[in-house]
Amino acid sequence: MALFGRGKKTLAVEAEPVVVVPTPESYLFTDEQEETLDEMKVDSNGMVRLGDVTRNLLGEQVQYISQHLSGQAGVVQLGDDLNVDVSSSSYHEFRIHHDDVQEFVARLRTLRKMQGRSSR
């Protein structure tokens, strides 16, 4: 929901969700990125730390990327159908299933392109 207004009068407007459909090229990983993904520490549930993904594959800080998984209002959500664990109050503890990393990265790359920004 977006809030618009002047002074004491505010109008709440319900925004339509943004759908991000990754393009084929957004799935491309360099050999180095593939190797990095393969070497990530995976826990017994198949999860990896989101911070490792954001830092090593995207070159970005987890606090900015975690917003796309945490359900934060006003931020495009990219992980509704992915296996993620965002139950911790600290984004440093967020995890994503190893098998979903490439899909999440592709969605984020596509979103960045839609916004006119770049990502690794």
PDB file of N, CA and C in Angstrom:
ATOM      1  N   MET A   1       0.841  -1.158   0.000  1.00  0.00           N
ATOM      2  CA  MET A   1       0.000   0.000   0.000  1.00  0.00           C
ATOM      3  C   MET A   1       0.895   1.233   0.000  1.00  0.00           C
ATOM      4  N   ALA A   2       0.593   2.153  -0.816  1.00  0.00           N
ATOM      5  CA  ALA A   2       1.342   3.403  -0.886  1.00  0.00           C
ATOM      6  C   ALA A   2       0.515   4.511  -0.243  1.00  0.00           C
ATOM      7  N   LEU A   3       1.184   5.395   0.450  1.00  0.00           N
ATOM      8  CA  LEU A   3       0.496   6.503   1.097  1.00  0.00           C
ATOM      9  C   LEU A   3       0.873   7.805   0.412  1.00  0.00           C
ATOM     10  N   PHE A   4      -0.130   8.565   0.044  1.00  0.00           N
ATOM     11  CA  PHE A   4       0.084   9.851  -0.590  1.00  0.00           C
ATOM     12  C   PHE A   4      -0.704  10.884   0.195  1.00  0.00           C
ATOM     13  N   GLY A   5      -0.176  12.064   0.311  1.00  0.00           N
ATOM     14  CA  GLY A   5      -0.962  13.074   0.988  1.00  0.00           C
ATOM     15  C   GLY A   5      -0.192  14.333   1.293  1.00  0.00           C
ATOM     16  N   ARG A   6      -0.922  15.299   1.756  1.00  0.00           N
ATOM     17  CA  ARG A   6      -0.352  16.575   2.158  1.00  0.00           C
ATOM     18  C   ARG A   6      -0.865  16.877   3.549  1.00  0.00           C
ATOM     19  N   GLY A   7       0.044  17.271   4.401  1.00  0.00           N
ATOM     20  CA  GLY A   7      -0.366  17.647   5.746  1.00  0.00           C
ATOM     21  C   GLY A   7      -1.061  16.517   6.460  1.00  0.00           C
ATOM     22  N   LYS A   8      -2.270  16.794   6.959  1.00  0.00           N
ATOM     23  CA  LYS A   8      -2.992  15.815   7.751  1.00  0.00           C
ATOM     24  C   LYS A   8      -3.847  14.877   6.911  1.00  0.00           C
ATOM     25  N   LYS A   9      -4.056  15.202   5.657  1.00  0.00           N
ATOM     26  CA  LYS A   9      -4.889  14.358   4.808  1.00  0.00           C
ATOM     27  C   LYS A   9      -4.001  13.366   4.066  1.00  0.00           C
ATOM     28  N   THR A  10      -4.313  12.097   4.202  1.00  0.00           N
ATOM     29  CA  THR A  10      -3.533  11.048   3.561  1.00  0.00           C
ATOM     30  C   THR A  10      -4.468  10.107   2.823  1.00  0.00           C
ATOM     31  N   LEU A  11      -4.064   9.708   1.642  1.00  0.00           N
ATOM     32  CA  LEU A  11      -4.833   8.784   0.824  1.00  0.00           C
ATOM     33  C   LEU A  11      -4.035   7.495   0.693  1.00  0.00           C
ATOM     34  N   ALA A  12      -4.635   6.389   1.085  1.00  0.00           N
ATOM     35  CA  ALA A  12      -3.977   5.093   0.962  1.00  0.00           C
ATOM     36  C   ALA A  12      -4.394   4.464  -0.361  1.00  0.00           C
ATOM     37  N   VAL A  13      -3.412   4.032  -1.139  1.00  0.00           N
ATOM     38  CA  VAL A  13      -3.677   3.433  -2.437  1.00  0.00           C
ATOM     39  C   VAL A  13      -3.077   2.035  -2.450  1.00  0.00           C
ATOM     40  N   GLU A  14      -3.892   1.050  -2.743  1.00  0.00           N
ATOM     41  CA  GLU A  14      -3.419  -0.331  -2.823  1.00  0.00           C
ATOM     42  C   GLU A  14      -2.743  -0.535  -4.168  1.00  0.00           C
ATOM     43  N   ALA A  15      -1.476  -0.923  -4.151  1.00  0.00           N
ATOM     44  CA  ALA A  15      -0.709  -1.114  -5.387  1.00  0.00           C
ATOM     45  C   ALA A  15      -0.807  -2.561  -5.858  1.00  0.00           C
ATOM     46  N   GLU A  16      -0.835  -2.726  -7.158  1.00  0.00           N
ATOM     47  CA  GLU A  16      -0.811  -4.069  -7.730  1.00  0.00           C
ATOM     48  C   GLU A  16       0.574  -4.672  -7.531  1.00  0.00           C
ATOM     49  N   PRO A  17       0.676  -5.966  -7.237  1.00  0.00           N
ATOM     50  CA  PRO A  17       1.995  -6.577  -7.081  1.00  0.00           C
ATOM     51  C   PRO A  17       2.749  -6.582  -8.412  1.00  0.00           C
ATOM     52  N   VAL A  18       4.044  -6.388  -8.325  1.00  0.00           N
ATOM     53  CA  VAL A  18       4.898  -6.422  -9.511  1.00  0.00           C
ATOM     54  C   VAL A  18       5.285  -7.867  -9.764  1.00  0.00           C
ATOM     55  N   VAL A  19       5.082  -8.331 -10.992  1.00  0.00           N
ATOM     56  CA  VAL A  19       5.459  -9.686 -11.360  1.00  0.00           C
ATOM     57  C   VAL A  19       6.777  -9.612 -12.128  1.00  0.00           C
ATOM     58  N   VAL A  20       7.765 -10.355 -11.657  1.00  0.00           N
ATOM     59  CA  VAL A  20       9.078 -10.364 -12.283  1.00  0.00           C
ATOM     60  C   VAL A  20       9.269 -11.709 -12.960  1.00  0.00           C
ATOM     61  N   VAL A  21       9.326 -11.697 -14.280  1.00  0.00           N
ATOM     62  CA  VAL A  21       9.544 -12.919 -15.057  1.00  0.00           C
ATOM     63  C   VAL A  21      10.959 -12.851 -15.627  1.00  0.00           C
ATOM     64  N   PRO A  22      11.857 -13.694 -15.099  1.00  0.00           N
ATOM     65  CA  PRO A  22      13.243 -13.632 -15.548  1.00  0.00           C
ATOM     66  C   PRO A  22      13.404 -13.915 -17.041  1.00  0.00           C
ATOM     67  N   THR A  23      14.309 -13.183 -17.637  1.00  0.00           N
ATOM     68  CA  THR A  23      14.664 -13.411 -19.033  1.00  0.00           C
ATOM     69  C   THR A  23      15.692 -14.534 -19.085  1.00  0.00           C
ATOM     70  N   PRO A  24      15.816 -15.227 -20.210  1.00  0.00           N
ATOM     71  CA  PRO A  24      16.784 -16.332 -20.288  1.00  0.00           C
ATOM     72  C   PRO A  24      18.211 -15.919 -19.921  1.00  0.00           C
ATOM     73  N   GLU A  25      18.633 -14.724 -20.349  1.00  0.00           N
ATOM     74  CA  GLU A  25      20.012 -14.317 -20.052  1.00  0.00           C
ATOM     75  C   GLU A  25      20.238 -14.033 -18.570  1.00  0.00           C
ATOM     76  N   SER A  26      19.163 -13.794 -17.814  1.00  0.00           N
ATOM     77  CA  SER A  26      19.330 -13.532 -16.389  1.00  0.00           C
ATOM     78  C   SER A  26      19.722 -14.790 -15.614  1.00  0.00           C
ATOM     79  N   TYR A  27      19.557 -15.952 -16.242  1.00  0.00           N
ATOM     80  CA  TYR A  27      19.950 -17.217 -15.602  1.00  0.00           C
ATOM     81  C   TYR A  27      21.417 -17.555 -15.820  1.00  0.00           C
ATOM     82  N   LEU A  28      22.089 -16.819 -16.690  1.00  0.00           N
ATOM     83  CA  LEU A  28      23.471 -17.148 -17.016  1.00  0.00           C
ATOM     84  C   LEU A  28      24.402 -16.808 -15.860  1.00  0.00           C
ATOM     85  N   PHE A  29      25.193 -17.782 -15.467  1.00  0.00           N
ATOM     86  CA  PHE A  29      26.204 -17.596 -14.445  1.00  0.00           C
ATOM     87  C   PHE A  29      27.563 -17.799 -15.096  1.00  0.00           C
ATOM     88  N   THR A  30      28.545 -17.012 -14.667  1.00  0.00           N
ATOM     89  CA  THR A  30      29.905 -17.245 -15.146  1.00  0.00           C
ATOM     90  C   THR A  30      30.408 -18.538 -14.516  1.00  0.00           C
ATOM     91  N   ASP A  31      31.479 -19.070 -15.069  1.00  0.00           N
ATOM     92  CA  ASP A  31      32.067 -20.278 -14.479  1.00  0.00           C
ATOM     93  C   ASP A  31      32.454 -20.029 -13.027  1.00  0.00           C
ATOM     94  N   GLU A  32      32.963 -18.839 -12.755  1.00  0.00           N
ATOM     95  CA  GLU A  32      33.360 -18.493 -11.388  1.00  0.00           C
ATOM     96  C   GLU A  32      32.152 -18.458 -10.457  1.00  0.00           C
ATOM     97  N   GLN A  33      31.026 -17.914 -10.930  1.00  0.00           N
ATOM     98  CA  GLN A  33      29.812 -17.875 -10.112  1.00  0.00           C
ATOM     99  C   GLN A  33      29.271 -19.281  -9.874  1.00  0.00           C
ATOM    100  N   GLU A  34      29.322 -20.127 -10.908  1.00  0.00           N
ATOM    101  CA  GLU A  34      28.884 -21.526 -10.753  1.00  0.00           C
ATOM    102  C   GLU A  34      29.733 -22.227  -9.691  1.00  0.00           C
ATOM    103  N   GLU A  35      31.028 -22.006  -9.752  1.00  0.00           N
ATOM    104  CA  GLU A  35      31.945 -22.623  -8.795  1.00  0.00           C
ATOM    105  C   GLU A  35      31.666 -22.103  -7.386  1.00  0.00           C
ATOM    106  N   THR A  36      31.439 -20.808  -7.272  1.00  0.00           N
ATOM    107  CA  THR A  36      31.120 -20.207  -5.976  1.00  0.00           C
ATOM    108  C   THR A  36      29.840 -20.809  -5.408  1.00  0.00           C
ATOM    109  N   LEU A  37      28.829 -20.957  -6.242  1.00  0.00           N
ATOM    110  CA  LEU A  37      27.567 -21.555  -5.803  1.00  0.00           C
ATOM    111  C   LEU A  37      27.784 -22.991  -5.344  1.00  0.00           C
ATOM    112  N   ASP A  38      28.558 -23.737  -6.097  1.00  0.00           N
ATOM    113  CA  ASP A  38      28.825 -25.133  -5.741  1.00  0.00           C
ATOM    114  C   ASP A  38      29.596 -25.266  -4.423  1.00  0.00           C
ATOM    115  N   GLU A  39      30.398 -24.254  -4.100  1.00  0.00           N
ATOM    116  CA  GLU A  39      31.237 -24.315  -2.901  1.00  0.00           C
ATOM    117  C   GLU A  39      30.571 -23.719  -1.660  1.00  0.00           C
ATOM    118  N   MET A  40      29.369 -23.165  -1.795  1.00  0.00           N
ATOM    119  CA  MET A  40      28.692 -22.575  -0.639  1.00  0.00           C
ATOM    120  C   MET A  40      28.374 -23.636   0.395  1.00  0.00           C
ATOM    121  N   LYS A  41      28.510 -23.241   1.651  1.00  0.00           N
ATOM    122  CA  LYS A  41      28.208 -24.147   2.754  1.00  0.00           C
ATOM    123  C   LYS A  41      26.703 -24.378   2.819  1.00  0.00           C
ATOM    124  N   VAL A  42      26.302 -25.642   2.709  1.00  0.00           N
ATOM    125  CA  VAL A  42      24.895 -26.028   2.703  1.00  0.00           C
ATOM    126  C   VAL A  42      24.594 -26.739   4.018  1.00  0.00           C
ATOM    127  N   ASP A  43      23.531 -26.314   4.716  1.00  0.00           N
ATOM    128  CA  ASP A  43      23.190 -26.981   5.973  1.00  0.00           C
ATOM    129  C   ASP A  43      22.430 -28.284   5.707  1.00  0.00           C
ATOM    130  N   SER A  44      22.025 -28.959   6.763  1.00  0.00           N
ATOM    131  CA  SER A  44      21.382 -30.271   6.629  1.00  0.00           C
ATOM    132  C   SER A  44      20.026 -30.209   5.930  1.00  0.00           C
ATOM    133  N   ASN A  45      19.437 -29.017   5.830  1.00  0.00           N
ATOM    134  CA  ASN A  45      18.158 -28.836   5.141  1.00  0.00           C
ATOM    135  C   ASN A  45      18.337 -28.352   3.708  1.00  0.00           C
ATOM    136  N   GLY A  46      19.584 -28.262   3.259  1.00  0.00           N
ATOM    137  CA  GLY A  46      19.851 -27.812   1.900  1.00  0.00           C
ATOM    138  C   GLY A  46      19.860 -26.299   1.746  1.00  0.00           C
ATOM    139  N   MET A  47      19.911 -25.578   2.866  1.00  0.00           N
ATOM    140  CA  MET A  47      19.849 -24.125   2.848  1.00  0.00           C
ATOM    141  C   MET A  47      21.246 -23.508   2.888  1.00  0.00           C
ATOM    142  N   VAL A  48      21.381 -22.343   2.245  1.00  0.00           N
ATOM    143  CA  VAL A  48      22.609 -21.553   2.297  1.00  0.00           C
ATOM    144  C   VAL A  48      22.264 -20.175   2.841  1.00  0.00           C
ATOM    145  N   ARG A  49      23.248 -19.505   3.387  1.00  0.00           N
ATOM    146  CA  ARG A  49      23.017 -18.171   3.938  1.00  0.00           C
ATOM    147  C   ARG A  49      22.784 -17.176   2.806  1.00  0.00           C
ATOM    148  N   LEU A  50      21.734 -16.373   2.929  1.00  0.00           N
ATOM    149  CA  LEU A  50      21.425 -15.366   1.920  1.00  0.00           C
ATOM    150  C   LEU A  50      22.582 -14.378   1.784  1.00  0.00           C
ATOM    151  N   GLY A  51      23.256 -14.076   2.887  1.00  0.00           N
ATOM    152  CA  GLY A  51      24.387 -13.163   2.848  1.00  0.00           C
ATOM    153  C   GLY A  51      25.508 -13.662   1.949  1.00  0.00           C
ATOM    154  N   ASP A  52      25.736 -14.981   1.946  1.00  0.00           N
ATOM    155  CA  ASP A  52      26.757 -15.558   1.069  1.00  0.00           C
ATOM    156  C   ASP A  52      26.354 -15.392  -0.393  1.00  0.00           C
ATOM    157  N   VAL A  53      25.072 -15.574  -0.663  1.00  0.00           N
ATOM    158  CA  VAL A  53      24.564 -15.431  -2.034  1.00  0.00           C
ATOM    159  C   VAL A  53      24.715 -13.988  -2.504  1.00  0.00           C
ATOM    160  N   THR A  54      24.250 -13.059  -1.684  1.00  0.00           N
ATOM    161  CA  THR A  54      24.260 -11.655  -2.109  1.00  0.00           C
ATOM    162  C   THR A  54      25.678 -11.120  -2.278  1.00  0.00           C
ATOM    163  N   ARG A  55      26.546 -11.470  -1.359  1.00  0.00           N
ATOM    164  CA  ARG A  55      27.920 -10.962  -1.406  1.00  0.00           C
ATOM    165  C   ARG A  55      28.719 -11.598  -2.539  1.00  0.00           C
ATOM    166  N   ASN A  56      28.641 -12.927  -2.653  1.00  0.00           N
ATOM    167  CA  ASN A  56      29.498 -13.660  -3.582  1.00  0.00           C
ATOM    168  C   ASN A  56      28.966 -13.747  -5.009  1.00  0.00           C
ATOM    169  N   LEU A  57      27.658 -13.696  -5.181  1.00  0.00           N
ATOM    170  CA  LEU A  57      27.092 -13.827  -6.528  1.00  0.00           C
ATOM    171  C   LEU A  57      26.571 -12.509  -7.088  1.00  0.00           C
ATOM    172  N   LEU A  58      26.198 -11.591  -6.208  1.00  0.00           N
ATOM    173  CA  LEU A  58      25.609 -10.333  -6.667  1.00  0.00           C
ATOM    174  C   LEU A  58      26.467  -9.110  -6.354  1.00  0.00           C
ATOM    175  N   GLY A  59      27.411  -9.277  -5.446  1.00  0.00           N
ATOM    176  CA  GLY A  59      28.244  -8.155  -5.050  1.00  0.00           C
ATOM    177  C   GLY A  59      27.466  -7.084  -4.304  1.00  0.00           C
ATOM    178  N   GLU A  60      26.424  -7.485  -3.596  1.00  0.00           N
ATOM    179  CA  GLU A  60      25.580  -6.545  -2.866  1.00  0.00           C
ATOM    180  C   GLU A  60      25.478  -6.973  -1.406  1.00  0.00           C
ATOM    181  N   GLN A  61      25.040  -6.048  -0.563  1.00  0.00           N
ATOM    182  CA  GLN A  61      24.892  -6.329   0.854  1.00  0.00           C
ATOM    183  C   GLN A  61      23.537  -6.968   1.137  1.00  0.00           C
ATOM    184  N   VAL A  62      23.540  -7.908   2.052  1.00  0.00           N
ATOM    185  CA  VAL A  62      22.341  -8.684   2.357  1.00  0.00           C
ATOM    186  C   VAL A  62      21.196  -7.811   2.859  1.00  0.00           C
ATOM    187  N   GLN A  63      21.480  -6.724   3.554  1.00  0.00           N
ATOM    188  CA  GLN A  63      20.390  -5.913   4.107  1.00  0.00           C
ATOM    189  C   GLN A  63      19.488  -5.341   3.030  1.00  0.00           C
ATOM    190  N   TYR A  64      20.050  -5.071   1.852  1.00  0.00           N
ATOM    191  CA  TYR A  64      19.237  -4.515   0.767  1.00  0.00           C
ATOM    192  C   TYR A  64      18.490  -5.609   0.001  1.00  0.00           C
ATOM    193  N   ILE A  65      19.122  -6.736  -0.179  1.00  0.00           N
ATOM    194  CA  ILE A  65      18.519  -7.840  -0.920  1.00  0.00           C
ATOM    195  C   ILE A  65      17.467  -8.560  -0.073  1.00  0.00           C
ATOM    196  N   SER A  66      17.685  -8.649   1.221  1.00  0.00           N
ATOM    197  CA  SER A  66      16.761  -9.383   2.097  1.00  0.00           C
ATOM    198  C   SER A  66      15.353  -8.800   2.063  1.00  0.00           C
ATOM    199  N   GLN A  67      15.218  -7.522   1.752  1.00  0.00           N
ATOM    200  CA  GLN A  67      13.908  -6.884   1.687  1.00  0.00           C
ATOM    201  C   GLN A  67      13.009  -7.557   0.652  1.00  0.00           C
ATOM    202  N   HIS A  68      13.609  -8.152  -0.364  1.00  0.00           N
ATOM    203  CA  HIS A  68      12.831  -8.799  -1.429  1.00  0.00           C
ATOM    204  C   HIS A  68      12.324 -10.183  -1.019  1.00  0.00           C
ATOM    205  N   LEU A  69      12.698 -10.630   0.191  1.00  0.00           N
ATOM    206  CA  LEU A  69      12.220 -11.917   0.696  1.00  0.00           C
ATOM    207  C   LEU A  69      11.438 -11.781   1.999  1.00  0.00           C
ATOM    208  N   SER A  70      11.571 -10.653   2.661  1.00  0.00           N
ATOM    209  CA  SER A  70      11.045 -10.517   4.018  1.00  0.00           C
ATOM    210  C   SER A  70       9.587 -10.091   4.106  1.00  0.00           C
ATOM    211  N   GLY A  71       8.970  -9.751   2.990  1.00  0.00           N
ATOM    212  CA  GLY A  71       7.594  -9.280   3.021  1.00  0.00           C
ATOM    213  C   GLY A  71       7.476  -7.817   3.380  1.00  0.00           C
ATOM    214  N   GLN A  72       8.582  -7.093   3.302  1.00  0.00           N
ATOM    215  CA  GLN A  72       8.572  -5.669   3.635  1.00  0.00           C
ATOM    216  C   GLN A  72       7.638  -4.917   2.700  1.00  0.00           C
ATOM    217  N   ALA A  73       6.784  -4.108   3.270  1.00  0.00           N
ATOM    218  CA  ALA A  73       5.808  -3.342   2.488  1.00  0.00           C
ATOM    219  C   ALA A  73       6.507  -2.397   1.522  1.00  0.00           C
ATOM    220  N   GLY A  74       5.967  -2.314   0.322  1.00  0.00           N
ATOM    221  CA  GLY A  74       6.493  -1.399  -0.678  1.00  0.00           C
ATOM    222  C   GLY A  74       7.689  -1.910  -1.444  1.00  0.00           C
ATOM    223  N   VAL A  75       8.118  -3.129  -1.171  1.00  0.00           N
ATOM    224  CA  VAL A  75       9.272  -3.714  -1.848  1.00  0.00           C
ATOM    225  C   VAL A  75       8.802  -4.916  -2.663  1.00  0.00           C
ATOM    226  N   VAL A  76       9.262  -5.022  -3.889  1.00  0.00           N
ATOM    227  CA  VAL A  76       8.881  -6.141  -4.751  1.00  0.00           C
ATOM    228  C   VAL A  76       9.369  -7.447  -4.119  1.00  0.00           C
ATOM    229  N   GLN A  77       8.441  -8.381  -3.934  1.00  0.00           N
ATOM    230  CA  GLN A  77       8.778  -9.665  -3.336  1.00  0.00           C
ATOM    231  C   GLN A  77       9.136 -10.676  -4.421  1.00  0.00           C
ATOM    232  N   LEU A  78      10.269 -11.339  -4.233  1.00  0.00           N
ATOM    233  CA  LEU A  78      10.777 -12.241  -5.272  1.00  0.00           C
ATOM    234  C   LEU A  78      10.829 -13.702  -4.839  1.00  0.00           C
ATOM    235  N   GLY A  79      10.423 -13.997  -3.620  1.00  0.00           N
ATOM    236  CA  GLY A  79      10.603 -15.362  -3.137  1.00  0.00           C
ATOM    237  C   GLY A  79       9.364 -16.059  -2.647  1.00  0.00           C
ATOM    238  N   ASP A  80       8.185 -15.583  -3.058  1.00  0.00           N
ATOM    239  CA  ASP A  80       6.948 -16.171  -2.550  1.00  0.00           C
ATOM    240  C   ASP A  80       6.859 -17.676  -2.770  1.00  0.00           C
ATOM    241  N   ASP A  81       7.357 -18.167  -3.891  1.00  0.00           N
ATOM    242  CA  ASP A  81       7.261 -19.597  -4.184  1.00  0.00           C
ATOM    243  C   ASP A  81       8.598 -20.314  -4.043  1.00  0.00           C
ATOM    244  N   LEU A  82       9.581 -19.661  -3.429  1.00  0.00           N
ATOM    245  CA  LEU A  82      10.892 -20.272  -3.231  1.00  0.00           C
ATOM    246  C   LEU A  82      11.009 -20.774  -1.796  1.00  0.00           C
ATOM    247  N   ASN A  83      11.885 -21.725  -1.593  1.00  0.00           N
ATOM    248  CA  ASN A  83      12.113 -22.281  -0.263  1.00  0.00           C
ATOM    249  C   ASN A  83      13.112 -21.382   0.461  1.00  0.00           C
ATOM    250  N   VAL A  84      12.587 -20.489   1.291  1.00  0.00           N
ATOM    251  CA  VAL A  84      13.421 -19.557   2.042  1.00  0.00           C
ATOM    252  C   VAL A  84      13.054 -19.618   3.519  1.00  0.00           C
ATOM    253  N   ASP A  85      14.001 -19.263   4.362  1.00  0.00           N
ATOM    254  CA  ASP A  85      13.761 -19.169   5.798  1.00  0.00           C
ATOM    255  C   ASP A  85      14.093 -17.749   6.214  1.00  0.00           C
ATOM    256  N   VAL A  86      13.055 -16.965   6.444  1.00  0.00           N
ATOM    257  CA  VAL A  86      13.214 -15.578   6.884  1.00  0.00           C
ATOM    258  C   VAL A  86      12.568 -15.398   8.258  1.00  0.00           C
ATOM    259  N   SER A  87      12.575 -16.461   9.053  1.00  0.00           N
ATOM    260  CA  SER A  87      11.911 -16.430  10.355  1.00  0.00           C
ATOM    261  C   SER A  87      12.715 -15.673  11.404  1.00  0.00           C
ATOM    262  N   SER A  88      13.993 -15.496  11.185  1.00  0.00           N
ATOM    263  CA  SER A  88      14.830 -14.770  12.134  1.00  0.00           C
ATOM    264  C   SER A  88      14.533 -13.277  12.060  1.00  0.00           C
ATOM    265  N   SER A  89      14.719 -12.586  13.164  1.00  0.00           N
ATOM    266  CA  SER A  89      14.541 -11.134  13.160  1.00  0.00           C
ATOM    267  C   SER A  89      15.755 -10.439  12.553  1.00  0.00           C
ATOM    268  N   SER A  90      16.816 -11.184  12.310  1.00  0.00           N
ATOM    269  CA  SER A  90      18.029 -10.627  11.721  1.00  0.00           C
ATOM    270  C   SER A  90      18.199 -11.118  10.288  1.00  0.00           C
ATOM    271  N   TYR A  91      18.328 -10.189   9.352  1.00  0.00           N
ATOM    272  CA  TYR A  91      18.527 -10.579   7.953  1.00  0.00           C
ATOM    273  C   TYR A  91      19.835 -11.336   7.760  1.00  0.00           C
ATOM    274  N   HIS A  92      20.747 -11.237   8.702  1.00  0.00           N
ATOM    275  CA  HIS A  92      22.008 -11.990   8.610  1.00  0.00           C
ATOM    276  C   HIS A  92      21.763 -13.497   8.723  1.00  0.00           C
ATOM    277  N   GLU A  93      20.629 -13.872   9.282  1.00  0.00           N
ATOM    278  CA  GLU A  93      20.304 -15.293   9.474  1.00  0.00           C
ATOM    279  C   GLU A  93      19.367 -15.835   8.395  1.00  0.00           C
ATOM    280  N   PHE A  94      18.945 -15.013   7.444  1.00  0.00           N
ATOM    281  CA  PHE A  94      18.055 -15.477   6.385  1.00  0.00           C
ATOM    282  C   PHE A  94      18.769 -16.537   5.553  1.00  0.00           C
ATOM    283  N   ARG A  95      18.000 -17.518   5.112  1.00  0.00           N
ATOM    284  CA  ARG A  95      18.553 -18.611   4.302  1.00  0.00           C
ATOM    285  C   ARG A  95      17.655 -18.872   3.102  1.00  0.00           C
ATOM    286  N   ILE A  96      18.264 -19.422   2.070  1.00  0.00           N
ATOM    287  CA  ILE A  96      17.541 -19.800   0.860  1.00  0.00           C
ATOM    288  C   ILE A  96      18.034 -21.183   0.460  1.00  0.00           C
ATOM    289  N   HIS A  97      17.128 -22.000  -0.063  1.00  0.00           N
ATOM    290  CA  HIS A  97      17.525 -23.344  -0.470  1.00  0.00           C
ATOM    291  C   HIS A  97      18.497 -23.265  -1.642  1.00  0.00           C
ATOM    292  N   HIS A  98      19.513 -24.084  -1.571  1.00  0.00           N
ATOM    293  CA  HIS A  98      20.561 -24.099  -2.603  1.00  0.00           C
ATOM    294  C   HIS A  98      19.975 -24.236  -4.006  1.00  0.00           C
ATOM    295  N   ASP A  99      18.950 -25.054  -4.146  1.00  0.00           N
ATOM    296  CA  ASP A  99      18.332 -25.280  -5.464  1.00  0.00           C
ATOM    297  C   ASP A  99      17.545 -24.066  -5.961  1.00  0.00           C
ATOM    298  N   ASP A 100      17.221 -23.121  -5.097  1.00  0.00           N
ATOM    299  CA  ASP A 100      16.455 -21.935  -5.478  1.00  0.00           C
ATOM    300  C   ASP A 100      17.320 -20.692  -5.705  1.00  0.00           C
ATOM    301  N   VAL A 101      18.607 -20.801  -5.438  1.00  0.00           N
ATOM    302  CA  VAL A 101      19.493 -19.638  -5.546  1.00  0.00           C
ATOM    303  C   VAL A 101      19.498 -19.079  -6.966  1.00  0.00           C
ATOM    304  N   GLN A 102      19.660 -19.932  -7.952  1.00  0.00           N
ATOM    305  CA  GLN A 102      19.756 -19.440  -9.324  1.00  0.00           C
ATOM    306  C   GLN A 102      18.460 -18.741  -9.757  1.00  0.00           C
ATOM    307  N   GLU A 103      17.323 -19.258  -9.366  1.00  0.00           N
ATOM    308  CA  GLU A 103      16.042 -18.621  -9.691  1.00  0.00           C
ATOM    309  C   GLU A 103      15.934 -17.254  -9.015  1.00  0.00           C
ATOM    310  N   PHE A 104      16.299 -17.178  -7.742  1.00  0.00           N
ATOM    311  CA  PHE A 104      16.246 -15.912  -7.030  1.00  0.00           C
ATOM    312  C   PHE A 104      17.170 -14.875  -7.667  1.00  0.00           C
ATOM    313  N   VAL A 105      18.385 -15.279  -7.991  1.00  0.00           N
ATOM    314  CA  VAL A 105      19.341 -14.363  -8.623  1.00  0.00           C
ATOM    315  C   VAL A 105      18.801 -13.891  -9.973  1.00  0.00           C
ATOM    316  N   ALA A 106      18.211 -14.797 -10.745  1.00  0.00           N
ATOM    317  CA  ALA A 106      17.647 -14.421 -12.049  1.00  0.00           C
ATOM    318  C   ALA A 106      16.520 -13.404 -11.877  1.00  0.00           C
ATOM    319  N   ARG A 107      15.664 -13.606 -10.888  1.00  0.00           N
ATOM    320  CA  ARG A 107      14.577 -12.667 -10.635  1.00  0.00           C
ATOM    321  C   ARG A 107      15.126 -11.299 -10.219  1.00  0.00           C
ATOM    322  N   LEU A 108      16.131 -11.311  -9.357  1.00  0.00           N
ATOM    323  CA  LEU A 108      16.705 -10.043  -8.912  1.00  0.00           C
ATOM    324  C   LEU A 108      17.389  -9.313 -10.068  1.00  0.00           C
ATOM    325  N   ARG A 109      18.111 -10.035 -10.887  1.00  0.00           N
ATOM    326  CA  ARG A 109      18.748  -9.419 -12.065  1.00  0.00           C
ATOM    327  C   ARG A 109      17.698  -8.787 -12.980  1.00  0.00           C
ATOM    328  N   THR A 110      16.605  -9.496 -13.186  1.00  0.00           N
ATOM    329  CA  THR A 110      15.534  -8.988 -14.039  1.00  0.00           C
ATOM    330  C   THR A 110      14.898  -7.753 -13.425  1.00  0.00           C
ATOM    331  N   LEU A 111      14.643  -7.778 -12.117  1.00  0.00           N
ATOM    332  CA  LEU A 111      14.086  -6.615 -11.434  1.00  0.00           C
ATOM    333  C   LEU A 111      15.022  -5.424 -11.567  1.00  0.00           C
ATOM    334  N   ARG A 112      16.312  -5.642 -11.367  1.00  0.00           N
ATOM    335  CA  ARG A 112      17.284  -4.554 -11.488  1.00  0.00           C
ATOM    336  C   ARG A 112      17.258  -3.959 -12.899  1.00  0.00           C
ATOM    337  N   LYS A 113      17.134  -4.819 -13.883  1.00  0.00           N
ATOM    338  CA  LYS A 113      17.075  -4.344 -15.275  1.00  0.00           C
ATOM    339  C   LYS A 113      15.802  -3.528 -15.502  1.00  0.00           C
ATOM    340  N   MET A 114      14.681  -3.990 -14.937  1.00  0.00           N
ATOM    341  CA  MET A 114      13.411  -3.263 -15.049  1.00  0.00           C
ATOM    342  C   MET A 114      13.522  -1.886 -14.393  1.00  0.00           C
ATOM    343  N   GLN A 115      14.323  -1.785 -13.339  1.00  0.00           N
ATOM    344  CA  GLN A 115      14.503  -0.538 -12.612  1.00  0.00           C
ATOM    345  C   GLN A 115      15.600   0.340 -13.217  1.00  0.00           C
ATOM    346  N   GLY A 116      16.260  -0.177 -14.249  1.00  0.00           N
ATOM    347  CA  GLY A 116      17.341   0.579 -14.858  1.00  0.00           C
ATOM    348  C   GLY A 116      18.633   0.520 -14.084  1.00  0.00           C
ATOM    349  N   ARG A 117      18.764  -0.505 -13.247  1.00  0.00           N
ATOM    350  CA  ARG A 117      19.969  -0.719 -12.453  1.00  0.00           C
ATOM    351  C   ARG A 117      20.649  -1.975 -12.936  1.00  0.00           C
ATOM    352  N   SER A 118      21.880  -2.181 -12.549  1.00  0.00           N
ATOM    353  CA  SER A 118      22.583  -3.398 -12.963  1.00  0.00           C
ATOM    354  C   SER A 118      22.935  -4.247 -11.766  1.00  0.00           C
ATOM    355  N   SER A 119      23.142  -5.510 -12.028  1.00  0.00           N
ATOM    356  CA  SER A 119      23.554  -6.484 -11.023  1.00  0.00           C
ATOM    357  C   SER A 119      24.486  -7.455 -11.719  1.00  0.00           C
ATOM    358  N   ARG A 120      25.357  -8.071 -10.955  1.00  0.00           N
ATOM    359  CA  ARG A 120      26.304  -9.032 -11.536  1.00  0.00           C
ATOM    360  C   ARG A 120      25.624 -10.124 -12.300  1.00  0.00           C
TER     361      ARG A 120
END
